[in-house]
C-alpha atoms as a PDB file:
ATOM      1  CA  MET A   1       0.365   0.165   0.317  1.00  0.00           C
ATOM      2  CA  CYS A   2       1.296   3.642  -1.080  1.00  0.00           C
ATOM      3  CA  LEU A   3       1.571   5.243   2.390  1.00  0.00           C
ATOM      4  CA  THR A   4       1.076   9.459   2.274  1.00  0.00           C
ATOM      5  CA  THR A   5       1.857  11.756   4.879  1.00  0.00           C
ATOM      6  CA  ILE A   6      -0.953  10.794   8.309  1.00  0.00           C
ATOM      7  CA  SER A   7       0.005  12.616  11.310  1.00  0.00           C
ATOM      8  CA  TRP A   8      -1.882  10.450  14.667  1.00  0.00           C
ATOM      9  CA  PRO A   9      -0.273  12.675  17.466  1.00  0.00           C
ATOM     10  CA  ILE A  10      -0.987  10.092  20.444  1.00  0.00           C
ATOM     11  CA  TYR A  11       1.629   8.035  19.172  1.00  0.00           C
ATOM     12  CA  GLY A  12       3.871  10.883  19.405  1.00  0.00           C
ATOM     13  CA  PHE A  13       5.124   9.901  15.486  1.00  0.00           C
ATOM     14  CA  ASN A  14       3.968  10.543  11.925  1.00  0.00           C
ATOM     15  CA  VAL A  15       2.983   7.038  11.664  1.00  0.00           C
ATOM     16  CA  ALA A  16       3.155   7.262   7.366  1.00  0.00           C
ATOM     17  CA  SER A  17       7.603   7.238   8.147  1.00  0.00           C
ATOM     18  CA  THR A  18       9.561   3.624   9.160  1.00  0.00           C
ATOM     19  CA  ASN A  19      12.158   5.440  10.089  1.00  0.00           C
ATOM     20  CA  LEU A  20      12.072   4.640  14.628  1.00  0.00           C
ATOM     21  CA  SER A  21      13.914   7.788  15.187  1.00  0.00           C
ATOM     22  CA  ASN A  22       9.995   9.561  14.823  1.00  0.00           C
ATOM     23  CA  LEU A  23       9.032   8.114  18.302  1.00  0.00           C
ATOM     24  CA  SER A  24      10.381  10.560  20.113  1.00  0.00           C
ATOM     25  CA  SER A  25       8.869   9.710  23.728  1.00  0.00           C
ATOM     26  CA  PRO A  26       7.611   6.936  25.042  1.00  0.00           C
ATOM     27  CA  VAL A  27       3.963   5.434  24.935  1.00  0.00           C
ATOM     28  CA  LYS A  28       1.772   4.000  26.938  1.00  0.00           C
ATOM     29  CA  TRP A  29      -0.516   1.014  26.129  1.00  0.00           C
ATOM     30  CA  ALA A  30      -2.994  -0.381  28.917  1.00  0.00           C
ATOM     31  CA  LEU A  31      -3.728  -3.800  28.439  1.00  0.00           C
ATOM     32  CA  SER A  32      -8.152  -4.116  29.884  1.00  0.00           C
ATOM     33  CA  LYS A  33      -9.933  -6.796  31.236  1.00  0.00           C
ATOM     34  CA  GLN A  34     -11.221  -8.010  27.722  1.00  0.00           C
ATOM     35  CA  CYS A  35      -7.466  -9.674  26.968  1.00  0.00           C
ATOM     36  CA  MET A  36      -7.610 -13.320  26.719  1.00  0.00           C
ATOM     37  CA  LEU A  37      -5.451 -16.188  26.123  1.00  0.00           C
ATOM     38  CA  LYS A  38      -6.501 -20.079  24.366  1.00  0.00           C
ATOM     39  CA  VAL A  39      -4.033 -22.734  24.116  1.00  0.00           C
ATOM     40  CA  ASN A  40      -5.280 -24.880  21.347  1.00  0.00           C
ATOM     41  CA  GLY A  41      -4.055 -28.630  21.278  1.00  0.00           C
ATOM     42  CA  SER A  42      -5.041 -32.420  20.274  1.00  0.00           C
ATOM     43  CA  THR A  43      -4.675 -36.339  21.461  1.00  0.00           C
ATOM     44  CA  ASN A  44      -4.708 -39.358  19.550  1.00  0.00           C
ATOM     45  CA  ILE A  45      -8.361 -39.231  19.361  1.00  0.00           C
ATOM     46  CA  ASN A  46      -9.307 -35.426  19.823  1.00  0.00           C
ATOM     47  CA  LYS A  47      -8.896 -31.851  19.695  1.00  0.00           C
ATOM     48  CA  PHE A  48      -8.877 -29.792  22.372  1.00  0.00           C
ATOM     49  CA  SER A  49      -9.712 -26.091  23.389  1.00  0.00           C
ATOM     50  CA  CYS A  50      -8.460 -24.426  26.680  1.00  0.00           C
ATOM     51  CA  VAL A  51      -8.751 -20.773  27.184  1.00  0.00           C
ATOM     52  CA  ILE A  52      -8.447 -17.962  30.374  1.00  0.00           C
ATOM     53  CA  PRO A  53     -11.542 -16.374  29.298  1.00  0.00           C
ATOM     54  CA  GLU A  54     -10.170 -12.945  30.986  1.00  0.00           C
ATOM     55  CA  TYR A  55      -7.551 -10.414  32.396  1.00  0.00           C
ATOM     56  CA  GLU A  56      -7.741 -10.023  36.297  1.00  0.00           C
ATOM     57  CA  LEU A  57      -4.697  -7.454  36.736  1.00  0.00           C
ATOM     58  CA  PRO A  58      -4.684  -4.742  34.136  1.00  0.00           C
ATOM     59  CA  ASP A  59      -1.754  -3.631  33.080  1.00  0.00           C
ATOM     60  CA  THR A  60       0.223  -1.177  31.751  1.00  0.00           C
ATOM     61  CA  LEU A  61       2.945  -1.498  28.720  1.00  0.00           C
ATOM     62  CA  THR A  62       5.724   0.875  28.258  1.00  0.00           C
ATOM     63  CA  ILE A  63       6.288   1.450  24.271  1.00  0.00           C
ATOM     64  CA  GLY A  64      10.084   3.200  23.047  1.00  0.00           C
ATOM     65  CA  LYS A  65      12.437   2.372  20.305  1.00  0.00           C
ATOM     66  CA  GLU A  66      15.088   0.306  20.994  1.00  0.00           C
ATOM     67  CA  THR A  67      18.210   2.403  18.548  1.00  0.00           C
ATOM     68  CA  ASN A  68      20.836  -0.145  17.829  1.00  0.00           C
ATOM     69  CA  ARG A  69      18.203  -2.778  15.864  1.00  0.00           C
ATOM     70  CA  GLN A  70      16.350  -0.307  15.262  1.00  0.00           C
ATOM     71  CA  ARG A  71      12.883  -2.444  16.374  1.00  0.00           C
ATOM     72  CA  VAL A  72      10.545  -1.348  19.151  1.00  0.00           C
ATOM     73  CA  LYS A  73      11.787  -2.116  22.786  1.00  0.00           C
ATOM     74  CA  ILE A  74       8.360  -2.930  24.839  1.00  0.00           C
ATOM     75  CA  SER A  75       8.578  -2.992  29.111  1.00  0.00           C
ATOM     76  CA  GLY A  76       5.413  -5.014  31.064  1.00  0.00           C
ATOM     77  CA  SER A  77       3.695  -8.460  31.683  1.00  0.00           C
ATOM     78  CA  MET A  78       0.486  -9.623  31.221  1.00  0.00           C
ATOM     79  CA  VAL A  79       0.019 -11.863  34.242  1.00  0.00           C
ATOM     80  CA  LEU A  80      -2.558 -14.506  34.183  1.00  0.00           C
ATOM     81  CA  GLY A  81      -3.829 -17.438  36.315  1.00  0.00           C
ATOM     82  CA  VAL A  82      -3.319 -21.567  35.888  1.00  0.00           C
ATOM     83  CA  GLN A  83      -6.661 -21.899  37.825  1.00  0.00           C
ATOM     84  CA  LYS A  84      -8.800 -20.021  35.042  1.00  0.00           C
ATOM     85  CA  PHE A  85      -8.315 -21.927  32.707  1.00  0.00           C
ATOM     86  CA  ASP A  86     -11.470 -23.655  31.196  1.00  0.00           C
ATOM     87  CA  CYS A  87     -11.715 -26.934  28.653  1.00  0.00           C
ATOM     88  CA  LYS A  88     -15.855 -26.582  28.861  1.00  0.00           C
ATOM     89  CA  ASN A  89     -14.765 -30.234  30.171  1.00  0.00           C
ATOM     90  CA  PRO A  90     -14.130 -30.638  33.595  1.00  0.00           C
ATOM     91  CA  MET A  91     -12.203 -33.505  33.426  1.00  0.00           C
ATOM     92  CA  MET A  92     -10.231 -32.006  30.787  1.00  0.00           C
ATOM     93  CA  THR A  93      -9.040 -28.448  33.020  1.00  0.00           C
ATOM     94  CA  SER A  94      -8.798 -30.511  36.415  1.00  0.00           C
ATOM     95  CA  ASP A  95      -6.143 -32.689  34.053  1.00  0.00           C
ATOM     96  CA  LEU A  96      -4.870 -28.899  32.460  1.00  0.00           C
ATOM     97  CA  ARG A  97      -4.169 -27.266  35.738  1.00  0.00           C
ATOM     98  CA  LYS A  98      -2.746 -30.498  37.374  1.00  0.00           C
ATOM     99  CA  ILE A  99       0.100 -30.519  34.790  1.00  0.00           C
ATOM    100  CA  LEU A 100       0.699 -26.841  34.390  1.00  0.00           C
ATOM    101  CA  LYS A 101       1.113 -26.791  38.690  1.00  0.00           C
ATOM    102  CA  ALA A 102      -1.761 -24.501  39.274  1.00  0.00           C
ATOM    103  CA  LYS A 103      -0.968 -24.657  42.619  1.00  0.00           C
ATOM    104  CA  SER A 104       3.074 -24.928  42.863  1.00  0.00           C
ATOM    105  CA  PHE A 105       3.369 -21.945  39.663  1.00  0.00           C
ATOM    106  CA  PRO A 106      -0.406 -19.965  39.414  1.00  0.00           C
ATOM    107  CA  ARG A 107       1.027 -17.750  36.706  1.00  0.00           C
ATOM    108  CA  LEU A 108       1.249 -17.801  33.474  1.00  0.00           C
ATOM    109  CA  ILE A 109       3.790 -15.125  32.621  1.00  0.00           C
ATOM    110  CA  ILE A 110       4.176 -13.071  29.349  1.00  0.00           C
ATOM    111  CA  THR A 111       6.944 -10.543  29.377  1.00  0.00           C
ATOM    112  CA  PHE A 112       6.504  -8.415  26.085  1.00  0.00           C
ATOM    113  CA  GLU A 113      10.223  -7.144  24.934  1.00  0.00           C
ATOM    114  CA  ASP A 114      10.120  -5.918  21.475  1.00  0.00           C
ATOM    115  CA  LEU A 115       8.181  -5.218  17.974  1.00  0.00           C
ATOM    116  CA  SER A 116       9.936  -5.755  15.064  1.00  0.00           C
ATOM    117  CA  SER A 117       7.868  -2.368  14.067  1.00  0.00           C
ATOM    118  CA  TYR A 118       4.803   0.053  15.520  1.00  0.00           C
ATOM    119  CA  PRO A 119       1.581  -0.873  14.570  1.00  0.00           C
ATOM    120  CA  ASP A 120       0.485   1.520  11.425  1.00  0.00           C
ATOM    121  CA  PRO A 121      -2.780   2.452  11.603  1.00  0.00           C
ATOM    122  CA  ALA A 122      -3.190   3.078   7.896  1.00  0.00           C
ATOM    123  CA  ASN A 123      -1.608  -0.134   6.749  1.00  0.00           C
ATOM    124  CA  PRO A 124      -3.276  -2.955   9.543  1.00  0.00           C
ATOM    125  CA  GLY A 125      -3.209  -5.720   7.313  1.00  0.00           C
ATOM    126  CA  VAL A 126       0.675  -5.932   7.622  1.00  0.00           C
ATOM    127  CA  ALA A 127       1.709  -8.943   9.898  1.00  0.00           C
ATOM    128  CA  ILE A 128       4.376  -8.108  12.235  1.00  0.00           C
ATOM    129  CA  LYS A 129       6.939 -10.149  15.020  1.00  0.00           C
ATOM    130  CA  GLY A 130       7.894  -9.845  18.352  1.00  0.00           C
ATOM    131  CA  PHE A 131      10.084 -11.923  20.940  1.00  0.00           C
ATOM    132  CA  VAL A 132       8.449 -12.038  24.341  1.00  0.00           C
ATOM    133  CA  THR A 133       9.715 -15.163  27.056  1.00  0.00           C
ATOM    134  CA  ILE A 134       6.650 -16.759  28.722  1.00  0.00           C
ATOM    135  CA  GLU A 135       7.156 -18.226  32.682  1.00  0.00           C
ATOM    136  CA  LEU A 136       4.396 -21.285  33.187  1.00  0.00           C
ATOM    137  CA  ALA A 137       4.873 -23.789  35.400  1.00  0.00           C
ATOM    138  CA  GLY A 138       8.689 -23.338  36.528  1.00  0.00           C
ATOM    139  CA  ALA A 139      10.277 -22.578  33.354  1.00  0.00           C
ATOM    140  CA  VAL A 140      10.971 -20.075  31.460  1.00  0.00           C
ATOM    141  CA  LYS A 141      11.406 -19.704  27.681  1.00  0.00           C
ATOM    142  CA  ARG A 142      11.754 -16.698  24.980  1.00  0.00           C
ATOM    143  CA  PHE A 143       9.650 -17.129  21.704  1.00  0.00           C
ATOM    144  CA  GLU A 144       9.347 -14.880  18.828  1.00  0.00           C
ATOM    145  CA  VAL A 145       5.921 -14.335  18.092  1.00  0.00           C
ATOM    146  CA  ASP A 146       3.372 -13.568  14.915  1.00  0.00           C
ATOM    147  CA  TYR A 147       1.076 -10.531  15.273  1.00  0.00           C
ATOM    148  CA  GLN A 148      -1.776  -9.388  13.228  1.00  0.00           C
ATOM    149  CA  TYR A 149      -3.317  -5.748  14.615  1.00  0.00           C
ATOM    150  CA  VAL A 150      -6.601  -4.211  14.085  1.00  0.00           C
ATOM    151  CA  MET A 151      -7.219  -0.676  15.173  1.00  0.00           C
ATOM    152  CA  ALA A 152     -10.766  -0.407  17.143  1.00  0.00           C
ATOM    153  CA  ALA A 153     -12.292   2.570  18.846  1.00  0.00           C
ATOM    154  CA  GLU A 154     -10.027   6.061  18.837  1.00  0.00           C
ATOM    155  CA  LYS A 155      -7.360   5.682  21.196  1.00  0.00           C
ATOM    156  CA  ARG A 156      -7.926   1.468  21.053  1.00  0.00           C
ATOM    157  CA  LEU A 157      -5.439  -1.622  19.405  1.00  0.00           C
ATOM    158  CA  ARG A 158      -6.408  -4.689  19.378  1.00  0.00           C
ATOM    159  CA  MET A 159      -3.398  -7.137  18.693  1.00  0.00           C
ATOM    160  CA  THR A 160      -3.441 -11.101  18.514  1.00  0.00           C
ATOM    161  CA  GLY A 161      -0.263 -12.817  18.583  1.00  0.00           C
ATOM    162  CA  THR A 162       0.142 -16.783  18.100  1.00  0.00           C
ATOM    163  CA  LYS A 163       3.086 -18.983  18.407  1.00  0.00           C
ATOM    164  CA  THR A 164       3.019 -22.929  18.231  1.00  0.00           C
ATOM    165  CA  LEU A 165       4.905 -24.440  21.415  1.00  0.00           C
ATOM    166  CA  HIS A 166       5.641 -27.458  23.122  1.00  0.00           C
ATOM    167  CA  PHE A 167       4.495 -28.809  26.524  1.00  0.00           C
ATOM    168  CA  SER A 168       8.364 -30.135  26.695  1.00  0.00           C
ATOM    169  CA  ASP A 169       9.287 -26.344  26.073  1.00  0.00           C
ATOM    170  CA  PHE A 170       8.509 -25.795  30.377  1.00  0.00           C
ATOM    171  CA  ASN A 171       9.875 -30.130  30.833  1.00  0.00           C
ATOM    172  CA  ILE A 172       6.161 -30.810  30.779  1.00  0.00           C
ATOM    173  CA  VAL A 173       5.216 -34.166  30.155  1.00  0.00           C
ATOM    174  CA  PRO A 174       2.053 -34.108  28.260  1.00  0.00           C
ATOM    175  CA  PRO A 175      -0.561 -36.388  30.310  1.00  0.00           C
ATOM    176  CA  LYS A 176      -1.772 -39.698  29.115  1.00  0.00           C
ATOM    177  CA  ARG A 177      -5.148 -41.131  30.580  1.00  0.00           C
ATOM    178  CA  LEU A 178      -6.461 -44.839  30.310  1.00  0.00           C
ATOM    179  CA  GLY A 179      -4.135 -46.538  31.241  1.00  0.00           C
ATOM    180  CA  GLY A 180      -1.663 -44.809  28.291  1.00  0.00           C
ATOM    181  CA  MET A 181      -4.634 -45.730  26.279  1.00  0.00           C
ATOM    182  CA  ILE A 182      -5.059 -41.440  25.551  1.00  0.00           C
ATOM    183  CA  LYS A 183      -2.085 -40.019  24.230  1.00  0.00           C
ATOM    184  CA  THR A 184      -1.666 -35.984  24.427  1.00  0.00           C
ATOM    185  CA  ASN A 185       0.572 -34.552  21.721  1.00  0.00           C
ATOM    186  CA  ASN A 186       2.772 -32.923  22.897  1.00  0.00           C
ATOM    187  CA  GLU A 187       2.592 -29.546  20.298  1.00  0.00           C
ATOM    188  CA  LEU A 188       0.271 -26.533  21.135  1.00  0.00           C
ATOM    189  CA  ASN A 189      -1.036 -23.628  19.595  1.00  0.00           C
ATOM    190  CA  VAL A 190      -0.899 -20.357  21.593  1.00  0.00           C
ATOM    191  CA  GLU A 191      -3.057 -17.656  21.095  1.00  0.00           C
ATOM    192  CA  PHE A 192      -3.589 -14.495  22.958  1.00  0.00           C
ATOM    193  CA  MET A 193      -5.389 -11.514  21.847  1.00  0.00           C
ATOM    194  CA  LEU A 194      -3.988  -7.938  23.969  1.00  0.00           C
ATOM    195  CA  ASN A 195      -7.360  -5.686  23.884  1.00  0.00           C
ATOM    196  CA  ILE A 196      -5.049  -1.953  24.214  1.00  0.00           C
ATOM    197  CA  LYS A 197      -6.335   1.805  24.827  1.00  0.00           C
ATOM    198  CA  ILE A 198      -3.936   4.347  24.261  1.00  0.00           C
ATOM    199  CA  LEU A 199      -2.684   6.685  26.689  1.00  0.00           C
ATOM    200  CA  ASN A 200      -1.483  10.059  25.563  1.00  0.00           C
END
């Protein structure tokens, strides 16, 4: 898409420019309660989907500039309660919470590091990437996440991050049931949606 000059003062820079030096001061992103996380997995006989439906501890991310790599730096985390996972099946929900060691490690923490570029309201179809660290079940792992974003109402942004992970990334053995007849596959598709209020 060919861009003309478009100014969006709430971001502190001209969104038509790809030069991140125009980001003159940090921008605050407030995460709302409408943030959620979904985990999709499968066994040898079926598929399952488990969700943490809302974010109980809204927090604020600080968006700045990392000059050495020309990437957008982020400071802040999203903290989710592992006991809030709901698989729409009581037995499956209980199993997931147990294997994720919810009693010993009740929090799933996503710490945001950076983005490959700042979300551009003039070109929302462009995919961006970003590094995060995920703390789960007592283990911490760094991943690069794919993002899609949509500009909603004024000063609001919705970003969806997706990543394929594995139970083994967090030193978790995929569960089995019925004497091993039902085996959970190691691969998980994780999706988290960020509902953001952009603060001046």
